[in-house]
Amino acid sequence: MSRNRLMPTVPALAALATGLWGLTGPSFWRDEAVTAEVSRRSLGQILRLLPQVDAVHGLYYLLLHLVSELFGSGEAALRLPSVLAGAVTAGCTAELGRRYGGARLGLLAGLLAAFSPFLTRYAQDARPYALVTAAAAASTLLLASALERGGRPRWAAYAVSVVLVGLFNLFALLLLAAHAFPARPRQRAWAAAAGAALGCLSPLLLLASTQRGAQISWLTRPEPQAVAEWAVVLAGGAWLVPPFAALAVLGAWRRPVLRTAAVPWLLLPVVVLLGASLISPVYTPRYVLFTAPAAALLVAAGLDSLPAVPAWAGAAALIAGMAPMHLQQHAVDDRADDLRRLRALVERHARPGDGLLFRVTEQRTIMGAYPEAFARLDDLALERTGAEAGDLTGDLAGPAAFARRLAKADRVWVVSKRPDRDSPAYPVDESRFLVLRESFGKVRGWRFKGGYLALYARE
């Protein structure tokens, strides 16, 4: 095998190294807590969950269930599939660059992908975003192969890759609209493969449409600065945006093939989701993570148009400029929640038999991150767990059952979003909290990133 064929392994290994570096540094956050809890369920319980909620993550949950069975449900084990997906993304990006412009362009593109803070952040996250990005990069590579050589096996492989893209994230099917541009020379073959893939995904599309409210109801309409924020995370820092944009434009100008293969891939999904969000919110930057390899290709093409020394010096400067964002992302409290601190507080101060109450029902899922910390507490409002009820949060006990349980407790731990009041975006279990306040007084409270923990004792 030629040296050029082996070239993609270099960026893949670099991405593997960046993904493994500090993998367990940041705490699990609320979405990862859901992944951890669902991964520990039985196969039957997961299959019972999906018709009710999170059908769009079904394949990912089944994969993580296998990982949990083999390696446990700790941070390293559950984040490792995303790390491996990051390596696949970098390798596929490098191979795409090699096909579109030669070995140097490929190596530059692969290394930019390997060291991208945007890609690395989700390569260290127990959620499916890194996997859908890897599937998108592999799908684009398979499309390039099918367009170059043709043949039913290659088009079939491409169709299967599109199915995987949709199974990991339905929004990523916008990649098909981007693929329509480079596929124009073989439009009929591409349309047949894409149509077959969409046909296979149609049951999931129908089921997901019934779960849409529960899945993305937390999203809000994007602010005017949303595009600027996306550019910052894509480039790896605010000051890197101008050189990134200039090099991307230069790359698109110098490499016509990338104008059809990479520019639609980079821009079309973002434009569509932002535009749709003006009517009904569907956009958040991680939903368009799968566009990042296209940015790496365009920037690499811009660098590749320079002489060798300026090209490699420019790449080194860009990668070095990403270091501050890498360091920020590796901070212990970088994630939306610091559930490790919550675990430490409960383990340090709670006693066996203490009660537990969540003022926000959906917040109960955070126990899935580190369940051992809550094992000795009595969840006073819970009648059936999520695994038993076939959902994520479980069923709540009635007022009488709650009152009986509360009567047996001398101390109760209350978890809420804020010390004073909770967000109106979440249903608040205020009635049970008011019953608690009738005979319990607050002893002490602690903030943790993402919420507030308070101890109440019987007066």
Protein backbone atom coordinates (compact mmCIF):
# COMPACT_ATOMS: atom_id res chain seq x y z
CA MET A 1 0.00 0.00 0.00
CA SER A 2 1.37 3.41 -0.97
CA ARG A 3 2.41 6.04 1.54
CA ASN A 4 -0.46 8.26 0.38
CA ARG A 5 -2.97 5.54 1.20
CA LEU A 6 -1.60 5.32 4.74
CA MET A 7 -1.65 9.10 5.22
CA PRO A 8 -5.16 9.26 6.80
CA THR A 9 -3.95 7.16 9.72
CA VAL A 10 -1.81 10.07 10.94
CA PRO A 11 -4.77 12.45 11.53
CA ALA A 12 -6.81 9.54 12.89
CA LEU A 13 -4.12 8.79 15.49
CA ALA A 14 -3.84 12.50 16.30
CA ALA A 15 -7.60 12.69 16.85
CA LEU A 16 -7.45 9.58 19.02
CA ALA A 17 -4.77 11.23 21.16
CA THR A 18 -6.68 14.50 21.54
CA GLY A 19 -9.83 12.56 22.38
CA LEU A 20 -8.17 10.44 25.06
CA TRP A 21 -6.36 13.44 26.61
CA GLY A 22 -8.25 14.40 29.77
CA LEU A 23 -11.20 12.20 28.82
CA THR A 24 -12.49 11.89 32.38
CA GLY A 25 -11.62 15.44 33.43
CA PRO A 26 -15.02 17.14 33.07
CA SER A 27 -17.99 15.78 34.97
CA PHE A 28 -20.90 14.02 33.34
CA TRP A 29 -23.59 16.58 32.47
CA ARG A 30 -27.37 16.17 32.36
CA ASP A 31 -27.60 14.66 28.84
CA GLU A 32 -24.75 12.28 29.56
CA ALA A 33 -26.57 11.29 32.76
CA VAL A 34 -29.48 10.14 30.60
CA THR A 35 -27.09 8.13 28.42
CA ALA A 36 -25.53 6.52 31.49
CA GLU A 37 -28.87 5.59 33.04
CA VAL A 38 -30.36 4.20 29.83
CA SER A 39 -27.20 2.23 29.07
CA ARG A 40 -27.62 0.36 32.36
CA ARG A 41 -31.17 -0.73 31.51
CA SER A 42 -31.93 -4.14 30.10
CA LEU A 43 -32.40 -4.55 26.36
CA GLY A 44 -36.13 -5.03 26.90
CA GLN A 45 -36.40 -1.83 28.94
CA ILE A 46 -34.59 0.15 26.24
CA LEU A 47 -36.88 -1.21 23.53
CA ARG A 48 -39.86 -0.27 25.72
CA LEU A 49 -38.50 3.28 26.14
CA LEU A 50 -38.00 4.15 22.47
CA PRO A 51 -41.67 4.23 21.37
CA GLN A 52 -42.30 6.74 24.17
CA VAL A 53 -39.28 9.04 23.98
CA ASP A 54 -35.80 9.37 22.44
CA ALA A 55 -36.48 7.13 19.45
CA VAL A 56 -34.00 9.29 17.53
CA HIS A 57 -31.25 8.04 19.87
CA GLY A 58 -32.30 4.38 19.72
CA LEU A 59 -29.27 3.04 17.85
CA TYR A 60 -26.94 5.03 20.07
CA TYR A 61 -28.57 3.74 23.27
CA LEU A 62 -28.32 0.16 22.04
CA LEU A 63 -24.64 0.65 21.24
CA LEU A 64 -23.95 2.21 24.64
CA HIS A 65 -25.88 -0.60 26.33
CA LEU A 66 -23.38 -3.03 24.80
CA VAL A 67 -20.49 -0.84 25.95
CA SER A 68 -21.94 -0.67 29.46
CA GLU A 69 -22.34 -4.44 29.61
CA LEU A 70 -18.72 -4.96 28.57
CA PHE A 71 -16.87 -2.09 30.23
CA GLY A 72 -19.21 -0.47 32.75
CA SER A 73 -20.97 2.89 32.66
CA GLY A 74 -18.20 5.19 33.88
CA GLU A 75 -17.09 8.35 32.10
CA ALA A 76 -14.20 6.73 30.20
CA ALA A 77 -16.22 3.76 28.96
CA LEU A 78 -19.27 5.72 27.78
CA ARG A 79 -17.22 8.47 26.13
CA LEU A 80 -14.86 6.10 24.33
CA PRO A 81 -17.21 5.43 21.34
CA SER A 82 -17.23 9.18 20.69
CA VAL A 83 -13.43 9.28 20.88
CA LEU A 84 -13.22 6.52 18.28
CA ALA A 85 -15.76 8.35 16.13
CA GLY A 86 -13.56 11.44 16.28
CA ALA A 87 -10.66 9.40 14.93
CA VAL A 88 -12.85 8.08 12.10
CA THR A 89 -13.91 11.64 11.27
CA ALA A 90 -10.32 12.87 11.04
CA GLY A 91 -9.29 9.88 8.91
CA CYS A 92 -12.22 10.27 6.51
CA THR A 93 -11.62 14.01 6.24
CA ALA A 94 -7.98 13.37 5.36
CA GLU A 95 -8.94 10.81 2.71
CA LEU A 96 -11.48 13.20 1.21
CA GLY A 97 -8.81 15.89 1.04
CA ARG A 98 -6.41 13.46 -0.64
CA ARG A 99 -9.02 12.58 -3.25
CA TYR A 100 -9.94 16.20 -3.90
CA GLY A 101 -6.47 17.72 -3.95
CA GLY A 102 -3.62 15.39 -3.09
CA ALA A 103 -1.75 14.11 -0.06
CA ARG A 104 -0.76 17.48 1.40
CA LEU A 105 -4.30 18.84 1.28
CA GLY A 106 -5.53 15.62 2.86
CA LEU A 107 -3.01 15.71 5.68
CA LEU A 108 -3.76 19.38 6.41
CA ALA A 109 -7.52 18.75 6.44
CA GLY A 110 -7.20 15.68 8.64
CA LEU A 111 -5.00 17.45 11.18
CA LEU A 112 -7.32 20.47 11.32
CA ALA A 113 -10.19 18.08 12.04
CA ALA A 114 -8.14 16.16 14.61
CA PHE A 115 -7.31 19.31 16.58
CA SER A 116 -10.62 21.13 16.12
CA PRO A 117 -11.97 22.07 19.58
CA PHE A 118 -15.53 21.80 18.23
CA LEU A 119 -14.99 18.20 17.14
CA THR A 120 -12.89 17.28 20.18
CA ARG A 121 -15.51 18.63 22.59
CA TYR A 122 -18.09 16.15 21.33
CA ALA A 123 -15.52 13.41 20.86
CA GLN A 124 -15.39 13.48 24.67
CA ASP A 125 -19.14 13.42 25.19
CA ALA A 126 -21.37 10.41 25.85
CA ARG A 127 -23.91 11.58 23.29
CA PRO A 128 -24.26 10.68 19.59
CA TYR A 129 -22.98 13.90 17.97
CA ALA A 130 -19.45 12.63 17.27
CA LEU A 131 -20.86 9.43 15.81
CA VAL A 132 -23.17 11.24 13.41
CA THR A 133 -20.23 13.40 12.32
CA ALA A 134 -18.16 10.30 11.61
CA ALA A 135 -21.08 8.80 9.69
CA ALA A 136 -21.45 12.02 7.68
CA ALA A 137 -17.76 12.11 6.79
CA ALA A 138 -17.79 8.41 5.85
CA SER A 139 -20.96 8.90 3.81
CA THR A 140 -19.38 11.77 1.88
CA LEU A 141 -16.32 9.63 1.23
CA LEU A 142 -18.48 6.75 -0.01
CA LEU A 143 -20.33 9.18 -2.26
CA ALA A 144 -17.03 10.35 -3.75
CA SER A 145 -16.06 6.72 -4.38
CA ALA A 146 -19.41 5.91 -6.00
CA LEU A 147 -19.22 8.98 -8.22
CA GLU A 148 -15.69 8.14 -9.27
CA ARG A 149 -16.05 4.41 -9.92
CA GLY A 150 -19.77 3.68 -9.97
CA GLY A 151 -21.18 0.20 -9.41
CA ARG A 152 -24.11 -1.05 -7.38
CA PRO A 153 -22.02 -2.17 -4.38
CA ARG A 154 -20.63 1.33 -3.92
CA TRP A 155 -24.04 2.97 -4.22
CA ALA A 156 -25.47 0.40 -1.81
CA ALA A 157 -22.69 1.18 0.68
CA TYR A 158 -23.48 4.87 0.31
CA ALA A 159 -27.19 4.23 0.98
CA VAL A 160 -26.33 2.25 4.12
CA SER A 161 -24.12 5.12 5.33
CA VAL A 162 -27.01 7.57 4.87
CA VAL A 163 -29.22 5.30 6.95
CA LEU A 164 -26.59 5.39 9.71
CA VAL A 165 -26.46 9.19 9.51
CA GLY A 166 -30.23 9.35 10.02
CA LEU A 167 -30.23 6.78 12.81
CA PHE A 168 -27.74 8.87 14.77
CA ASN A 169 -29.38 12.26 14.07
CA LEU A 170 -32.33 12.97 11.79
CA PHE A 171 -31.32 16.62 11.33
CA ALA A 172 -28.08 15.37 9.78
CA LEU A 173 -30.10 14.10 6.82
CA LEU A 174 -29.72 17.66 5.55
CA LEU A 175 -26.41 16.25 4.37
CA LEU A 176 -28.40 14.70 1.50
CA ALA A 177 -29.34 18.14 0.23
CA ALA A 178 -25.63 19.05 0.25
CA HIS A 179 -24.75 15.78 -1.53
CA ALA A 180 -27.12 16.66 -4.35
CA PHE A 181 -24.59 19.20 -5.65
CA PRO A 182 -21.58 16.94 -6.26
CA ALA A 183 -23.91 14.09 -7.31
CA ARG A 184 -25.35 15.95 -10.33
CA PRO A 185 -23.24 14.03 -12.89
CA ARG A 186 -24.88 10.80 -11.65
CA GLN A 187 -28.13 12.19 -10.43
CA ARG A 188 -30.29 9.14 -11.11
CA ALA A 189 -28.02 6.71 -9.28
CA TRP A 190 -27.66 9.10 -6.36
CA ALA A 191 -31.42 9.72 -6.16
CA ALA A 192 -32.09 5.98 -6.11
CA ALA A 193 -29.61 5.43 -3.27
CA ALA A 194 -30.85 8.43 -1.29
CA GLY A 195 -34.48 7.42 -1.83
CA ALA A 196 -33.79 3.88 -0.62
CA ALA A 197 -32.13 5.24 2.51
CA LEU A 198 -35.02 7.58 3.25
CA GLY A 199 -37.45 4.72 2.71
CA CYS A 200 -35.63 2.68 5.34
CA LEU A 201 -35.73 5.65 7.72
CA SER A 202 -39.39 6.52 7.15
CA PRO A 203 -40.70 4.59 10.22
CA LEU A 204 -38.25 6.47 12.44
CA LEU A 205 -39.18 9.77 10.82
CA LEU A 206 -42.86 9.15 11.55
CA LEU A 207 -42.22 8.05 15.14
CA ALA A 208 -39.87 10.97 15.80
CA SER A 209 -42.50 13.43 14.60
CA THR A 210 -44.79 12.27 17.42
CA GLN A 211 -42.03 12.78 20.00
CA ARG A 212 -40.85 16.15 18.71
CA GLY A 213 -42.28 18.18 21.60
CA ALA A 214 -40.50 16.14 24.25
CA GLN A 215 -37.25 16.05 22.30
CA ILE A 216 -36.57 19.69 21.46
CA SER A 217 -39.09 21.73 23.44
CA TRP A 218 -36.18 23.26 25.37
CA LEU A 219 -34.82 25.01 22.27
CA THR A 220 -35.42 28.73 21.80
CA ARG A 221 -35.33 30.96 18.75
CA PRO A 222 -31.71 31.80 17.86
CA GLU A 223 -30.41 35.24 18.71
CA PRO A 224 -29.04 37.51 15.96
CA GLN A 225 -25.49 36.62 17.00
CA ALA A 226 -26.07 32.88 16.45
CA VAL A 227 -24.09 32.85 13.20
CA ALA A 228 -21.14 34.61 14.83
CA GLU A 229 -21.22 32.16 17.74
CA TRP A 230 -21.26 29.22 15.34
CA ALA A 231 -18.26 30.67 13.48
CA VAL A 232 -16.34 31.05 16.76
CA VAL A 233 -16.86 27.45 17.88
CA LEU A 234 -16.14 26.19 14.36
CA ALA A 235 -12.86 28.10 14.13
CA GLY A 236 -11.80 27.36 17.70
CA GLY A 237 -11.67 30.96 18.95
CA ALA A 238 -12.95 34.42 18.09
CA TRP A 239 -9.62 35.73 16.76
CA LEU A 240 -9.30 32.67 14.49
CA VAL A 241 -12.52 33.44 12.61
CA PRO A 242 -10.99 35.97 10.11
CA PRO A 243 -8.09 33.72 9.01
CA PHE A 244 -10.37 30.67 8.91
CA ALA A 245 -12.91 32.51 6.76
CA ALA A 246 -10.24 33.94 4.45
CA LEU A 247 -8.57 30.56 3.96
CA ALA A 248 -11.93 28.84 3.39
CA VAL A 249 -12.85 31.35 0.69
CA LEU A 250 -9.42 30.97 -0.88
CA GLY A 251 -9.75 27.19 -0.80
CA ALA A 252 -13.18 27.27 -2.45
CA TRP A 253 -11.82 29.59 -5.13
CA ARG A 254 -8.70 27.53 -5.85
CA ARG A 255 -10.40 24.11 -5.71
CA PRO A 256 -13.62 24.13 -7.79
CA VAL A 257 -14.42 20.57 -6.70
CA LEU A 258 -14.77 21.82 -3.11
CA ARG A 259 -17.24 24.49 -4.18
CA THR A 260 -19.69 21.68 -4.93
CA ALA A 261 -18.53 19.09 -2.38
CA ALA A 262 -17.68 21.11 0.74
CA VAL A 263 -19.39 24.52 0.56
CA PRO A 264 -22.97 23.11 0.53
CA TRP A 265 -21.98 20.62 3.26
CA LEU A 266 -20.72 23.46 5.44
CA LEU A 267 -23.43 26.06 4.87
CA LEU A 268 -26.69 24.45 3.81
CA PRO A 269 -27.57 22.59 7.08
CA VAL A 270 -26.82 25.68 9.16
CA VAL A 271 -28.87 27.99 6.94
CA VAL A 272 -31.83 25.59 6.86
CA LEU A 273 -31.93 24.99 10.62
CA LEU A 274 -31.46 28.66 11.47
CA GLY A 275 -34.15 29.64 8.98
CA ALA A 276 -36.55 27.01 10.27
CA SER A 277 -35.87 28.17 13.84
CA LEU A 278 -37.42 31.53 13.06
CA ILE A 279 -40.72 29.64 12.88
CA SER A 280 -40.12 26.75 15.28
CA PRO A 281 -36.78 26.37 17.11
CA VAL A 282 -34.68 23.44 15.84
CA TYR A 283 -31.14 24.85 15.98
CA THR A 284 -28.28 24.44 18.38
CA PRO A 285 -24.60 24.33 17.34
CA ARG A 286 -24.11 20.66 18.22
CA TYR A 287 -26.87 19.70 15.79
CA VAL A 288 -24.63 20.93 12.95
CA LEU A 289 -21.38 19.47 14.26
CA PHE A 290 -21.39 17.19 11.20
CA THR A 291 -20.54 20.22 9.02
CA ALA A 292 -17.14 20.72 10.69
CA PRO A 293 -15.20 18.35 8.37
CA ALA A 294 -16.28 20.52 5.43
CA ALA A 295 -14.75 23.56 7.13
CA ALA A 296 -11.51 21.63 7.66
CA LEU A 297 -11.42 20.71 3.96
CA LEU A 298 -11.94 24.30 2.80
CA VAL A 299 -9.40 25.80 5.18
CA ALA A 300 -6.90 23.09 4.27
CA ALA A 301 -7.44 23.85 0.59
CA GLY A 302 -6.67 27.49 1.29
CA LEU A 303 -3.46 26.53 3.08
CA ASP A 304 -2.55 24.07 0.34
CA SER A 305 -2.66 26.85 -2.24
CA LEU A 306 0.31 28.47 -0.46
CA PRO A 307 3.97 27.39 -0.75
CA ALA A 308 4.98 24.54 1.54
CA VAL A 309 6.61 26.55 4.33
CA PRO A 310 3.82 29.16 4.73
CA ALA A 311 1.20 26.40 4.44
CA TRP A 312 2.60 24.33 7.30
CA ALA A 313 3.44 27.40 9.36
CA GLY A 314 -0.11 28.65 8.92
CA ALA A 315 -1.55 25.28 9.94
CA ALA A 316 0.69 25.18 13.01
CA ALA A 317 -0.38 28.72 13.97
CA LEU A 318 -4.06 27.85 13.62
CA ILE A 319 -3.72 24.69 15.69
CA ALA A 320 -1.72 26.54 18.36
CA GLY A 321 -4.39 29.25 18.42
CA MET A 322 -6.98 26.60 19.30
CA ALA A 323 -5.16 25.71 22.52
CA PRO A 324 -7.06 28.15 24.81
CA MET A 325 -10.42 26.66 23.81
CA HIS A 326 -9.05 23.14 24.31
CA LEU A 327 -7.89 24.05 27.81
CA GLN A 328 -11.24 25.63 28.60
CA GLN A 329 -13.10 22.53 27.46
CA HIS A 330 -10.96 20.32 29.68
CA ALA A 331 -11.82 22.26 32.84
CA VAL A 332 -13.66 20.18 35.42
CA ASP A 333 -16.70 22.48 35.34
CA ASP A 334 -16.77 23.15 31.58
CA ARG A 335 -19.98 21.20 30.94
CA ALA A 336 -23.46 22.61 31.51
CA ASP A 337 -23.62 20.74 34.83
CA ASP A 338 -21.04 19.73 37.40
CA LEU A 339 -22.77 16.59 38.61
CA ARG A 340 -19.54 15.35 40.14
CA ARG A 341 -19.79 18.14 42.72
CA LEU A 342 -23.40 17.17 43.41
CA ARG A 343 -22.26 13.61 44.01
CA ALA A 344 -19.54 14.80 46.39
CA LEU A 345 -22.00 16.93 48.37
CA VAL A 346 -24.47 14.07 48.78
CA GLU A 347 -21.78 11.56 49.69
CA ARG A 348 -20.26 13.93 52.24
CA HIS A 349 -23.38 15.14 54.01
CA ALA A 350 -26.24 12.69 53.44
CA ARG A 351 -27.20 9.93 55.87
CA PRO A 352 -28.83 6.59 55.10
CA GLY A 353 -32.61 6.98 55.17
CA ASP A 354 -32.64 10.69 54.30
CA GLY A 355 -35.40 11.72 51.92
CA LEU A 356 -34.92 13.18 48.45
CA LEU A 357 -37.16 15.55 46.49
CA PHE A 358 -36.73 17.05 43.02
CA ARG A 359 -38.59 20.31 42.47
CA VAL A 360 -38.21 19.85 38.70
CA THR A 361 -39.38 16.43 37.57
CA GLU A 362 -37.04 16.30 34.56
CA GLN A 363 -34.07 16.98 36.82
CA ARG A 364 -34.45 13.51 38.33
CA THR A 365 -32.49 12.12 35.38
CA ILE A 366 -29.24 13.60 36.73
CA MET A 367 -29.09 10.75 39.25
CA GLY A 368 -28.16 8.52 36.33
CA ALA A 369 -24.69 10.08 36.17
CA TYR A 370 -23.45 8.81 39.54
CA PRO A 371 -26.28 6.66 40.96
CA GLU A 372 -24.24 5.25 43.82
CA ALA A 373 -24.38 8.63 45.58
CA PHE A 374 -28.19 8.53 45.74
CA ALA A 375 -28.63 4.83 46.47
CA ARG A 376 -29.07 5.35 50.22
CA LEU A 377 -31.66 8.13 49.84
CA ASP A 378 -35.43 7.64 49.60
CA ASP A 379 -36.90 9.42 46.57
CA LEU A 380 -40.10 10.50 48.32
CA ALA A 381 -42.10 11.51 45.24
CA LEU A 382 -41.22 8.55 43.01
CA GLU A 383 -43.69 5.72 42.54
CA ARG A 384 -42.00 3.89 39.64
CA THR A 385 -38.55 4.43 38.17
CA GLY A 386 -38.09 5.45 34.56
CA ALA A 387 -36.96 1.93 33.69
CA GLU A 388 -40.14 0.50 35.24
CA ALA A 389 -42.43 3.11 33.66
CA GLY A 390 -40.85 2.97 30.20
CA ASP A 391 -39.78 6.62 30.14
CA LEU A 392 -36.92 8.76 31.44
CA THR A 393 -38.29 10.22 34.66
CA GLY A 394 -40.71 7.62 36.04
CA ASP A 395 -44.14 8.00 37.66
CA LEU A 396 -44.79 10.20 40.68
CA ALA A 397 -46.53 9.02 43.83
CA GLY A 398 -49.84 10.57 44.80
CA PRO A 399 -50.20 13.15 47.60
CA ALA A 400 -51.23 10.57 50.21
CA ALA A 401 -48.29 8.25 49.47
CA PHE A 402 -45.91 11.19 49.50
CA ALA A 403 -47.25 12.37 52.87
CA ARG A 404 -46.78 8.90 54.39
CA ARG A 405 -43.19 8.72 53.20
CA LEU A 406 -42.46 12.24 54.35
CA ALA A 407 -43.77 11.42 57.83
CA LYS A 408 -41.01 8.83 58.23
CA ALA A 409 -38.20 11.22 57.31
CA ASP A 410 -36.31 13.57 59.59
CA ARG A 411 -34.14 15.11 56.87
CA VAL A 412 -34.86 15.73 53.18
CA TRP A 413 -32.52 16.77 50.38
CA VAL A 414 -34.14 19.06 47.82
CA VAL A 415 -32.65 19.46 44.32
CA SER A 416 -33.77 22.43 42.23
CA LYS A 417 -32.59 24.57 39.35
CA ARG A 418 -32.13 27.73 41.42
CA PRO A 419 -32.10 28.60 45.13
CA ASP A 420 -35.17 30.84 44.91
CA ARG A 421 -37.38 29.63 42.10
CA ASP A 422 -37.22 27.27 39.16
CA SER A 423 -37.39 27.91 35.43
CA PRO A 424 -40.90 28.23 34.01
CA ALA A 425 -39.70 26.10 31.08
CA TYR A 426 -39.83 23.05 33.36
CA PRO A 427 -42.79 21.67 35.32
CA VAL A 428 -42.13 22.33 38.99
CA ASP A 429 -43.31 19.93 41.69
CA GLU A 430 -44.44 22.83 43.86
CA SER A 431 -47.29 21.11 45.71
CA ARG A 432 -45.04 18.51 47.32
CA PHE A 433 -42.45 21.15 48.14
CA LEU A 434 -45.09 23.23 49.94
CA VAL A 435 -46.12 20.15 51.97
CA LEU A 436 -42.47 19.70 52.91
CA ARG A 437 -42.18 23.33 54.03
CA GLU A 438 -45.08 22.90 56.47
CA SER A 439 -42.97 20.83 58.86
CA PHE A 440 -39.41 21.12 57.58
CA GLY A 441 -37.04 24.06 57.68
CA LYS A 442 -34.03 24.74 55.50
CA VAL A 443 -30.74 23.98 57.24
CA ARG A 444 -28.19 24.69 54.54
CA GLY A 445 -27.82 25.03 50.78
CA TRP A 446 -25.08 24.45 48.23
CA ARG A 447 -24.80 25.61 44.65
CA PHE A 448 -23.42 23.32 41.98
CA LYS A 449 -23.14 24.15 38.30
CA GLY A 450 -26.54 23.37 36.83
CA GLY A 451 -28.56 23.43 40.02
CA TYR A 452 -28.94 23.90 43.76
CA LEU A 453 -28.96 21.39 46.62
CA ALA A 454 -30.61 22.17 49.94
CA LEU A 455 -30.97 20.21 53.19
CA TYR A 456 -34.27 20.46 55.08
CA ALA A 457 -34.78 19.09 58.58
CA ARG A 458 -37.94 18.51 60.58
CA GLU A 459 -38.67 21.46 62.83
